[in-house]
């Protein structure tokens, strides 16, 4: 059975939170999670998975953030995206730690997803199609969007998204071969 699905996504950022925290820790991917504490000792919890960012803030000291108020819920990334760095979270959503935007220890990680709204993501799923069909679809897409970069996620030996969340730039020919060889869901 052929499953061809396409979607476009251009991040639209919500109003900045204008929050200055006392501390902020966390990271990871699928989901990315951050745990913060405000200057008045209230807990903050931020989670990004499936393109959706949520931020919960405790109403009082000692209350878990998830039982407080949801101060942000926004679909900011591509459907299956689950990685945001601490720098991206702070920079794009108006959060500082003691007046400063923390910098990522691995600056390369900040390049995975552009949340600025300057990049439109095209998600294409070409399940069950022949290599020739996949190649033609991708060649038309690349001809239509000549400045676009075709990328594929790096999968581990179990065909799961690699924990390093790397993206590999490829040609339409190479990507179509990958898509046709990928296991069907």
N, C-alpha and C. Protein backbone atom coordinates (compact mmCIF):
# COMPACT_ATOMS: atom_id res chain seq x y z
N UNK A 1 0.84 -1.18 0.00
CA UNK A 1 0.00 0.00 0.00
C UNK A 1 0.88 1.23 0.00
N UNK A 2 0.57 2.19 -0.85
CA UNK A 2 1.32 3.42 -0.92
C UNK A 2 0.82 4.40 0.13
N UNK A 3 1.76 4.95 0.86
CA UNK A 3 1.44 5.98 1.84
C UNK A 3 2.31 7.18 1.53
N UNK A 4 1.74 8.17 0.90
CA UNK A 4 2.48 9.38 0.60
C UNK A 4 1.80 10.53 1.34
N UNK A 5 2.55 11.12 2.28
CA UNK A 5 2.00 12.21 3.09
C UNK A 5 3.00 13.35 3.10
N UNK A 6 2.49 14.57 2.98
CA UNK A 6 3.34 15.75 3.02
C UNK A 6 2.73 16.77 3.96
N UNK A 7 3.60 17.53 4.61
CA UNK A 7 3.13 18.65 5.41
C UNK A 7 4.22 19.73 5.43
N UNK A 8 3.80 20.97 5.59
CA UNK A 8 4.71 22.09 5.71
C UNK A 8 4.55 22.69 7.10
N UNK A 9 5.64 23.19 7.65
CA UNK A 9 5.56 23.84 8.96
C UNK A 9 6.56 24.98 9.01
N UNK A 10 6.07 26.17 9.31
CA UNK A 10 6.93 27.32 9.57
C UNK A 10 6.64 27.75 11.01
N UNK A 11 7.65 27.68 11.88
CA UNK A 11 7.41 28.03 13.28
C UNK A 11 6.89 29.47 13.42
N UNK A 12 5.86 29.61 14.22
CA UNK A 12 5.32 30.92 14.58
C UNK A 12 5.49 31.05 16.09
N UNK A 13 6.41 31.90 16.49
CA UNK A 13 6.72 32.00 17.91
C UNK A 13 5.67 32.78 18.67
N UNK A 14 5.31 32.30 19.86
CA UNK A 14 4.38 33.04 20.71
C UNK A 14 5.10 34.23 21.35
N UNK A 15 4.36 35.03 22.05
CA UNK A 15 4.96 36.16 22.77
C UNK A 15 5.99 35.63 23.76
N UNK A 16 7.08 36.38 23.97
CA UNK A 16 8.11 35.93 24.91
C UNK A 16 7.55 35.85 26.33
N UNK A 17 8.10 34.90 27.09
CA UNK A 17 7.65 34.72 28.46
C UNK A 17 8.19 35.81 29.39
N UNK A 18 9.31 36.43 29.02
CA UNK A 18 9.94 37.46 29.85
C UNK A 18 10.14 36.97 31.27
N UNK A 19 10.79 35.83 31.38
CA UNK A 19 11.02 35.18 32.67
C UNK A 19 12.51 35.15 32.96
N UNK A 20 12.91 35.60 34.14
CA UNK A 20 14.29 35.48 34.58
C UNK A 20 14.32 34.48 35.72
N UNK A 21 14.96 33.35 35.48
CA UNK A 21 15.00 32.26 36.46
C UNK A 21 16.25 32.34 37.33
N UNK A 22 16.16 31.69 38.48
CA UNK A 22 17.31 31.54 39.37
C UNK A 22 18.20 30.41 38.86
N UNK A 23 17.57 29.32 38.37
CA UNK A 23 18.33 28.19 37.84
C UNK A 23 17.53 27.48 36.76
N UNK A 24 18.24 26.77 35.89
CA UNK A 24 17.60 26.00 34.82
C UNK A 24 18.53 24.86 34.45
N UNK A 25 17.99 23.64 34.48
CA UNK A 25 18.75 22.45 34.11
C UNK A 25 17.94 21.62 33.14
N UNK A 26 18.56 20.61 32.58
CA UNK A 26 17.84 19.69 31.71
C UNK A 26 18.42 19.66 30.32
N UNK A 27 17.65 19.07 29.42
CA UNK A 27 18.09 18.92 28.03
C UNK A 27 17.49 17.66 27.45
N UNK A 28 18.31 16.92 26.71
CA UNK A 28 17.86 15.68 26.10
C UNK A 28 17.05 15.90 24.84
N UNK A 29 16.47 14.82 24.38
CA UNK A 29 15.63 14.90 23.19
C UNK A 29 14.59 13.81 23.21
N UNK A 30 13.48 14.11 22.57
CA UNK A 30 12.34 13.18 22.41
C UNK A 30 11.83 12.62 23.73
N UNK A 31 11.51 13.42 24.71
CA UNK A 31 11.39 14.87 24.70
C UNK A 31 12.63 15.57 25.25
N UNK A 32 12.75 16.85 24.92
CA UNK A 32 13.68 17.74 25.62
C UNK A 32 12.89 18.26 26.82
N UNK A 33 13.54 18.26 28.00
CA UNK A 33 12.85 18.68 29.23
C UNK A 33 13.77 19.60 30.03
N UNK A 34 13.20 20.66 30.56
CA UNK A 34 13.96 21.60 31.37
C UNK A 34 13.24 21.82 32.69
N UNK A 35 14.04 21.95 33.74
CA UNK A 35 13.52 22.16 35.09
C UNK A 35 14.14 23.45 35.62
N UNK A 36 13.31 24.39 35.99
CA UNK A 36 13.81 25.67 36.46
C UNK A 36 13.22 26.05 37.79
N UNK A 37 13.83 27.05 38.39
CA UNK A 37 13.35 27.62 39.65
C UNK A 37 13.38 29.13 39.49
N UNK A 38 12.24 29.77 39.81
CA UNK A 38 12.16 31.23 39.73
C UNK A 38 12.86 31.86 40.93
N UNK A 39 13.03 33.16 40.89
CA UNK A 39 13.68 33.88 42.00
C UNK A 39 12.86 33.77 43.29
N UNK A 40 11.53 33.57 43.16
CA UNK A 40 10.69 33.40 44.36
C UNK A 40 10.44 31.91 44.66
N UNK A 41 11.33 31.04 44.16
CA UNK A 41 11.37 29.61 44.50
C UNK A 41 10.20 28.78 43.97
N UNK A 42 9.58 29.22 42.87
CA UNK A 42 8.55 28.40 42.24
C UNK A 42 9.18 27.56 41.14
N UNK A 43 8.71 26.32 41.01
CA UNK A 43 9.25 25.40 40.01
C UNK A 43 8.67 25.66 38.63
N UNK A 44 9.51 25.44 37.61
CA UNK A 44 9.11 25.56 36.21
C UNK A 44 9.47 24.25 35.52
N UNK A 45 8.60 23.79 34.64
CA UNK A 45 8.86 22.59 33.84
C UNK A 45 8.52 22.89 32.39
N UNK A 46 9.49 22.67 31.50
CA UNK A 46 9.28 22.86 30.06
C UNK A 46 9.54 21.54 29.37
N UNK A 47 8.69 21.23 28.38
CA UNK A 47 8.80 19.96 27.66
C UNK A 47 8.54 20.21 26.18
N UNK A 48 9.42 19.63 25.33
CA UNK A 48 9.26 19.77 23.89
C UNK A 48 9.31 18.39 23.26
N UNK A 49 8.22 18.03 22.60
CA UNK A 49 8.14 16.75 21.91
C UNK A 49 7.06 16.84 20.83
N UNK A 50 7.29 16.18 19.71
CA UNK A 50 6.31 16.17 18.64
C UNK A 50 6.02 17.56 18.09
N UNK A 51 7.01 18.46 18.18
CA UNK A 51 6.83 19.81 17.67
C UNK A 51 6.10 20.75 18.63
N UNK A 52 5.68 20.25 19.78
CA UNK A 52 4.90 21.06 20.74
C UNK A 52 5.73 21.37 21.99
N UNK A 53 5.74 22.65 22.34
CA UNK A 53 6.41 23.10 23.55
C UNK A 53 5.36 23.47 24.58
N UNK A 54 5.51 22.95 25.79
CA UNK A 54 4.65 23.35 26.90
C UNK A 54 5.55 23.82 28.04
N UNK A 55 5.09 24.83 28.76
CA UNK A 55 5.81 25.34 29.92
C UNK A 55 4.80 25.49 31.05
N UNK A 56 5.09 24.82 32.16
CA UNK A 56 4.23 24.88 33.34
C UNK A 56 4.99 25.57 34.47
N UNK A 57 4.27 26.39 35.23
CA UNK A 57 4.87 27.14 36.33
C UNK A 57 4.02 26.95 37.58
N UNK A 58 4.69 26.55 38.67
CA UNK A 58 3.99 26.38 39.95
C UNK A 58 3.39 27.72 40.39
N UNK A 59 2.21 27.65 40.97
CA UNK A 59 1.55 28.86 41.45
C UNK A 59 2.13 29.32 42.79
N UNK A 60 2.65 28.35 43.56
CA UNK A 60 3.21 28.67 44.87
C UNK A 60 4.49 27.86 45.10
N UNK A 61 5.30 28.31 46.03
CA UNK A 61 6.52 27.61 46.41
C UNK A 61 6.15 26.22 46.95
N UNK A 62 6.84 25.19 46.50
CA UNK A 62 6.58 23.83 46.97
C UNK A 62 5.59 23.05 46.12
N UNK A 63 4.81 23.72 45.30
CA UNK A 63 3.87 23.04 44.41
C UNK A 63 4.63 22.53 43.19
N UNK A 64 4.35 21.30 42.73
CA UNK A 64 4.97 20.84 41.49
C UNK A 64 4.52 21.72 40.32
N UNK A 65 5.45 22.00 39.42
CA UNK A 65 5.13 22.87 38.28
C UNK A 65 3.97 22.32 37.47
N UNK A 66 3.91 21.00 37.32
CA UNK A 66 2.85 20.38 36.51
C UNK A 66 1.47 20.51 37.14
N UNK A 67 1.41 20.92 38.41
CA UNK A 67 0.12 21.16 39.06
C UNK A 67 -0.21 22.65 39.11
N UNK A 68 0.69 23.46 38.55
CA UNK A 68 0.49 24.90 38.53
C UNK A 68 -0.23 25.35 37.28
N UNK A 69 0.22 26.43 36.71
CA UNK A 69 -0.41 27.05 35.54
C UNK A 69 0.42 26.78 34.29
N UNK A 70 -0.25 26.37 33.24
CA UNK A 70 0.43 26.22 31.94
C UNK A 70 0.56 27.62 31.35
N UNK A 71 1.78 28.13 31.30
CA UNK A 71 1.99 29.49 30.82
C UNK A 71 2.33 29.53 29.33
N UNK A 72 2.58 28.37 28.73
CA UNK A 72 2.84 28.34 27.30
C UNK A 72 2.52 26.96 26.74
N UNK A 73 1.81 26.95 25.65
CA UNK A 73 1.57 25.73 24.87
C UNK A 73 1.54 26.17 23.41
N UNK A 74 2.52 25.67 22.64
CA UNK A 74 2.62 26.14 21.26
C UNK A 74 3.20 25.04 20.37
N UNK A 75 2.63 24.91 19.18
CA UNK A 75 3.17 24.01 18.16
C UNK A 75 4.21 24.81 17.40
N UNK A 76 5.48 24.56 17.71
CA UNK A 76 6.55 25.39 17.17
C UNK A 76 7.46 24.66 16.20
N UNK A 77 7.38 23.35 16.15
CA UNK A 77 8.32 22.60 15.32
C UNK A 77 7.63 21.62 14.40
N UNK A 78 8.42 20.96 13.57
CA UNK A 78 7.87 19.92 12.69
C UNK A 78 7.23 18.81 13.52
N UNK A 79 6.30 18.08 12.92
CA UNK A 79 5.50 17.07 13.61
C UNK A 79 6.28 16.12 14.51
N UNK A 80 7.38 15.58 14.03
CA UNK A 80 8.09 14.57 14.79
C UNK A 80 9.31 15.10 15.52
N UNK A 81 9.49 16.42 15.57
CA UNK A 81 10.67 16.99 16.20
C UNK A 81 10.55 16.90 17.71
N UNK A 82 11.67 16.61 18.36
CA UNK A 82 11.66 16.51 19.81
C UNK A 82 12.91 17.04 20.47
N UNK A 83 13.66 17.87 19.76
CA UNK A 83 14.92 18.39 20.32
C UNK A 83 14.97 19.91 20.28
N UNK A 84 15.20 20.46 21.44
CA UNK A 84 15.45 21.89 21.57
C UNK A 84 16.53 22.03 22.63
N UNK A 85 17.48 22.92 22.39
CA UNK A 85 18.55 23.11 23.35
C UNK A 85 18.15 24.16 24.38
N UNK A 86 18.91 24.22 25.46
CA UNK A 86 18.64 25.21 26.49
C UNK A 86 18.80 26.62 25.91
N UNK A 87 19.79 26.80 25.04
CA UNK A 87 19.99 28.12 24.42
C UNK A 87 18.80 28.50 23.55
N UNK A 88 18.32 27.56 22.72
CA UNK A 88 17.17 27.84 21.87
C UNK A 88 15.93 28.14 22.71
N UNK A 89 15.69 27.32 23.74
CA UNK A 89 14.54 27.54 24.60
C UNK A 89 14.57 28.95 25.18
N UNK A 90 15.71 29.34 25.72
CA UNK A 90 15.82 30.65 26.35
C UNK A 90 15.75 31.79 25.33
N UNK A 91 16.50 31.65 24.24
CA UNK A 91 16.58 32.72 23.25
C UNK A 91 15.26 32.97 22.54
N UNK A 92 14.58 31.91 22.12
CA UNK A 92 13.37 32.08 21.32
C UNK A 92 12.10 32.29 22.16
N UNK A 93 12.16 32.01 23.46
CA UNK A 93 10.93 32.09 24.26
C UNK A 93 11.05 33.05 25.44
N UNK A 94 12.08 33.90 25.42
CA UNK A 94 12.17 34.98 26.40
C UNK A 94 12.47 34.53 27.80
N UNK A 95 13.45 33.63 27.96
CA UNK A 95 13.82 33.13 29.28
C UNK A 95 15.31 33.41 29.49
N UNK A 96 15.66 33.90 30.67
CA UNK A 96 17.06 34.08 31.04
C UNK A 96 17.30 33.40 32.38
N UNK A 97 18.56 33.18 32.70
CA UNK A 97 18.96 32.64 33.99
C UNK A 97 19.90 33.66 34.61
N UNK A 98 19.42 34.29 35.67
CA UNK A 98 20.17 35.37 36.32
C UNK A 98 20.58 36.44 35.29
N UNK A 99 19.64 36.77 34.41
CA UNK A 99 19.84 37.83 33.44
C UNK A 99 20.61 37.45 32.18
N UNK A 100 20.97 36.18 32.05
CA UNK A 100 21.80 35.75 30.93
C UNK A 100 21.14 34.56 30.21
N UNK A 101 21.28 34.53 28.88
CA UNK A 101 20.85 33.35 28.12
C UNK A 101 21.97 32.34 28.19
N UNK A 102 21.71 31.16 28.78
CA UNK A 102 22.78 30.15 28.86
C UNK A 102 23.20 29.68 27.47
N UNK A 103 24.46 29.36 27.31
CA UNK A 103 24.99 28.87 26.04
C UNK A 103 25.16 27.36 26.11
N UNK A 104 24.82 26.74 25.01
CA UNK A 104 24.92 25.28 24.88
C UNK A 104 26.39 24.87 24.92
N UNK A 105 26.70 23.78 25.62
CA UNK A 105 28.08 23.31 25.68
C UNK A 105 28.52 22.72 24.34
N UNK A 106 27.54 22.26 23.54
CA UNK A 106 27.83 21.77 22.19
C UNK A 106 27.08 22.67 21.21
N UNK A 107 27.71 23.77 20.75
CA UNK A 107 27.02 24.75 19.90
C UNK A 107 26.42 24.15 18.62
N UNK A 108 26.95 23.03 18.15
CA UNK A 108 26.41 22.38 16.94
C UNK A 108 24.96 21.95 17.14
N UNK A 109 24.59 21.64 18.37
CA UNK A 109 23.22 21.20 18.65
C UNK A 109 22.20 22.28 18.33
N UNK A 110 22.58 23.56 18.44
CA UNK A 110 21.65 24.66 18.16
C UNK A 110 21.25 24.73 16.70
N UNK A 111 21.93 24.00 15.83
CA UNK A 111 21.63 24.10 14.41
C UNK A 111 20.60 23.08 13.93
N UNK A 112 20.10 22.22 14.79
CA UNK A 112 19.20 21.16 14.36
C UNK A 112 17.85 21.68 13.88
N UNK A 113 17.20 22.52 14.63
CA UNK A 113 15.90 23.06 14.24
C UNK A 113 15.96 24.57 14.39
N UNK A 114 15.49 25.27 13.38
CA UNK A 114 15.45 26.73 13.41
C UNK A 114 14.05 27.14 13.85
N UNK A 115 13.97 27.69 15.06
CA UNK A 115 12.67 28.11 15.60
C UNK A 115 12.38 29.58 15.32
N UNK A 116 13.23 30.25 14.55
CA UNK A 116 13.09 31.70 14.33
C UNK A 116 11.93 32.07 13.42
N UNK A 117 11.39 31.12 12.66
CA UNK A 117 10.34 31.42 11.70
C UNK A 117 10.90 31.71 10.31
N UNK A 118 12.22 31.66 10.16
CA UNK A 118 12.87 31.91 8.87
C UNK A 118 12.99 30.64 8.03
N UNK A 119 12.67 29.50 8.61
CA UNK A 119 12.80 28.22 7.91
C UNK A 119 11.43 27.55 7.85
N UNK A 120 11.06 27.07 6.68
CA UNK A 120 9.85 26.25 6.54
C UNK A 120 10.29 24.80 6.37
N UNK A 121 9.69 23.94 7.15
CA UNK A 121 10.02 22.51 7.09
C UNK A 121 8.98 21.79 6.25
N UNK A 122 9.46 20.95 5.37
CA UNK A 122 8.59 20.10 4.55
C UNK A 122 8.83 18.68 5.00
N UNK A 123 7.83 18.06 5.56
CA UNK A 123 7.92 16.67 5.98
C UNK A 123 7.28 15.82 4.91
N UNK A 124 8.03 14.85 4.43
CA UNK A 124 7.49 13.95 3.43
C UNK A 124 7.65 12.52 3.87
N UNK A 125 6.60 11.77 3.79
CA UNK A 125 6.65 10.33 4.08
C UNK A 125 6.26 9.61 2.80
N UNK A 126 7.19 8.86 2.27
CA UNK A 126 6.96 8.16 1.01
C UNK A 126 6.99 6.66 1.27
N UNK A 127 6.05 6.17 2.05
CA UNK A 127 6.01 4.76 2.41
C UNK A 127 5.45 3.88 1.31
N UNK A 128 6.13 2.78 1.05
CA UNK A 128 5.62 1.77 0.12
C UNK A 128 5.69 2.17 -1.34
N UNK A 129 6.49 3.16 -1.69
CA UNK A 129 6.62 3.54 -3.09
C UNK A 129 7.92 2.97 -3.64
N UNK A 130 8.00 2.89 -4.94
CA UNK A 130 9.22 2.38 -5.56
C UNK A 130 10.32 3.43 -5.47
N UNK A 131 11.53 2.98 -5.66
CA UNK A 131 12.68 3.88 -5.66
C UNK A 131 12.52 4.94 -6.74
N UNK A 132 12.03 4.56 -7.91
CA UNK A 132 11.84 5.53 -9.00
C UNK A 132 10.81 6.59 -8.63
N UNK A 133 9.70 6.17 -8.02
CA UNK A 133 8.66 7.13 -7.62
C UNK A 133 9.20 8.08 -6.56
N UNK A 134 9.88 7.55 -5.57
CA UNK A 134 10.44 8.39 -4.51
C UNK A 134 11.43 9.39 -5.10
N UNK A 135 12.28 8.93 -5.97
CA UNK A 135 13.27 9.81 -6.60
C UNK A 135 12.58 10.93 -7.37
N UNK A 136 11.52 10.61 -8.13
CA UNK A 136 10.81 11.62 -8.92
C UNK A 136 10.15 12.66 -8.00
N UNK A 137 9.52 12.21 -6.94
CA UNK A 137 8.86 13.13 -6.00
C UNK A 137 9.89 14.08 -5.41
N UNK A 138 11.01 13.52 -4.98
CA UNK A 138 12.03 14.36 -4.35
C UNK A 138 12.71 15.28 -5.35
N UNK A 139 12.89 14.84 -6.58
CA UNK A 139 13.48 15.71 -7.60
C UNK A 139 12.56 16.89 -7.92
N UNK A 140 11.24 16.63 -7.97
CA UNK A 140 10.28 17.71 -8.20
C UNK A 140 10.30 18.68 -7.01
N UNK A 141 10.35 18.14 -5.81
CA UNK A 141 10.40 18.99 -4.61
C UNK A 141 11.65 19.86 -4.63
N UNK A 142 12.78 19.27 -4.98
CA UNK A 142 14.01 20.04 -4.99
C UNK A 142 14.01 21.08 -6.12
N UNK A 143 13.39 20.76 -7.26
CA UNK A 143 13.30 21.73 -8.36
C UNK A 143 12.37 22.88 -7.98
N UNK A 144 11.31 22.57 -7.22
CA UNK A 144 10.36 23.59 -6.79
C UNK A 144 10.97 24.50 -5.72
N UNK A 145 11.79 23.91 -4.85
CA UNK A 145 12.44 24.65 -3.76
C UNK A 145 13.95 24.50 -3.91
N UNK A 146 14.56 25.22 -4.86
CA UNK A 146 15.98 25.01 -5.15
C UNK A 146 16.93 25.32 -3.99
N UNK A 147 16.52 26.15 -3.05
CA UNK A 147 17.39 26.48 -1.91
C UNK A 147 17.20 25.53 -0.74
N UNK A 148 16.29 24.57 -0.90
CA UNK A 148 16.01 23.63 0.20
C UNK A 148 17.14 22.63 0.34
N UNK A 149 17.33 22.17 1.57
CA UNK A 149 18.28 21.10 1.84
C UNK A 149 17.49 19.84 2.12
N UNK A 150 17.83 18.76 1.48
CA UNK A 150 17.22 17.48 1.79
C UNK A 150 18.06 16.82 2.88
N UNK A 151 17.39 16.41 3.95
CA UNK A 151 18.10 15.76 5.05
C UNK A 151 17.35 14.51 5.44
N UNK A 152 18.07 13.58 6.02
CA UNK A 152 17.44 12.39 6.57
C UNK A 152 17.91 12.24 8.00
N UNK A 153 17.06 11.72 8.87
CA UNK A 153 17.50 11.48 10.25
C UNK A 153 18.48 10.32 10.28
N UNK A 154 19.41 10.36 11.22
CA UNK A 154 20.36 9.27 11.39
C UNK A 154 19.72 8.26 12.34
N UNK A 155 19.56 7.03 11.86
CA UNK A 155 18.94 5.97 12.65
C UNK A 155 20.01 5.05 13.23
N UNK A 156 19.72 4.46 14.38
CA UNK A 156 20.67 3.52 14.97
C UNK A 156 20.44 2.13 14.40
N UNK A 157 21.14 1.14 14.95
CA UNK A 157 21.06 -0.23 14.43
C UNK A 157 19.66 -0.85 14.58
N UNK A 158 18.82 -0.29 15.44
CA UNK A 158 17.45 -0.78 15.63
C UNK A 158 16.44 0.04 14.83
N UNK A 159 16.92 0.85 13.90
CA UNK A 159 16.09 1.72 13.07
C UNK A 159 15.31 2.74 13.90
N UNK A 160 15.90 3.15 15.02
CA UNK A 160 15.32 4.18 15.87
C UNK A 160 16.12 5.46 15.65
N UNK A 161 15.49 6.61 15.89
CA UNK A 161 16.19 7.88 15.76
C UNK A 161 17.38 7.89 16.70
N UNK A 162 18.54 8.17 16.15
CA UNK A 162 19.77 8.18 16.92
C UNK A 162 19.66 9.18 18.07
N UNK A 163 20.23 8.82 19.21
CA UNK A 163 20.17 9.71 20.37
C UNK A 163 20.93 10.99 20.14
N UNK A 164 21.82 11.00 19.13
CA UNK A 164 22.55 12.24 18.85
C UNK A 164 21.70 13.19 18.02
N UNK A 165 20.56 12.74 17.51
CA UNK A 165 19.64 13.57 16.73
C UNK A 165 20.33 14.29 15.58
N UNK A 166 21.23 13.60 14.91
CA UNK A 166 21.92 14.23 13.78
C UNK A 166 21.08 14.11 12.53
N UNK A 167 21.23 15.09 11.67
CA UNK A 167 20.60 15.08 10.36
C UNK A 167 21.71 15.04 9.33
N UNK A 168 21.52 14.25 8.30
CA UNK A 168 22.51 14.08 7.26
C UNK A 168 21.99 14.69 5.98
N UNK A 169 22.74 15.63 5.40
CA UNK A 169 22.32 16.22 4.12
C UNK A 169 22.60 15.20 3.02
N UNK A 170 21.61 15.00 2.14
CA UNK A 170 21.73 14.00 1.08
C UNK A 170 21.18 14.56 -0.23
N UNK A 171 21.43 13.83 -1.29
CA UNK A 171 20.85 14.18 -2.59
C UNK A 171 19.50 13.51 -2.72
N UNK A 172 18.69 13.93 -3.67
CA UNK A 172 17.38 13.31 -3.90
C UNK A 172 17.54 11.82 -4.20
N UNK A 173 18.56 11.46 -4.96
CA UNK A 173 18.78 10.05 -5.31
C UNK A 173 19.09 9.23 -4.07
N UNK A 174 20.02 9.69 -3.26
CA UNK A 174 20.41 8.94 -2.06
C UNK A 174 19.26 8.86 -1.08
N UNK A 175 18.53 9.95 -0.90
CA UNK A 175 17.42 9.96 0.06
C UNK A 175 16.31 9.02 -0.40
N UNK A 176 16.01 9.00 -1.68
CA UNK A 176 14.94 8.12 -2.15
C UNK A 176 15.31 6.66 -1.94
N UNK A 177 16.57 6.32 -2.10
CA UNK A 177 16.99 4.94 -1.85
C UNK A 177 16.83 4.63 -0.38
N UNK A 178 17.20 5.56 0.51
CA UNK A 178 17.02 5.37 1.94
C UNK A 178 15.55 5.18 2.28
N UNK A 179 14.69 6.03 1.72
CA UNK A 179 13.26 5.96 2.04
C UNK A 179 12.67 4.63 1.61
N UNK A 180 13.10 4.13 0.47
CA UNK A 180 12.53 2.87 -0.02
C UNK A 180 13.06 1.67 0.76
N UNK A 181 14.25 1.82 1.33
CA UNK A 181 14.82 0.71 2.08
C UNK A 181 14.42 0.73 3.56
N UNK A 182 13.90 1.85 4.01
CA UNK A 182 13.51 1.98 5.42
C UNK A 182 12.37 1.04 5.74
N UNK A 183 12.37 0.45 6.95
CA UNK A 183 11.27 -0.45 7.30
C UNK A 183 9.93 0.28 7.32
N UNK A 184 8.91 -0.39 6.92
CA UNK A 184 7.56 0.21 6.94
C UNK A 184 7.03 0.21 8.35
N UNK A 185 6.31 1.28 8.71
CA UNK A 185 5.77 1.36 10.09
C UNK A 185 4.65 0.36 10.30
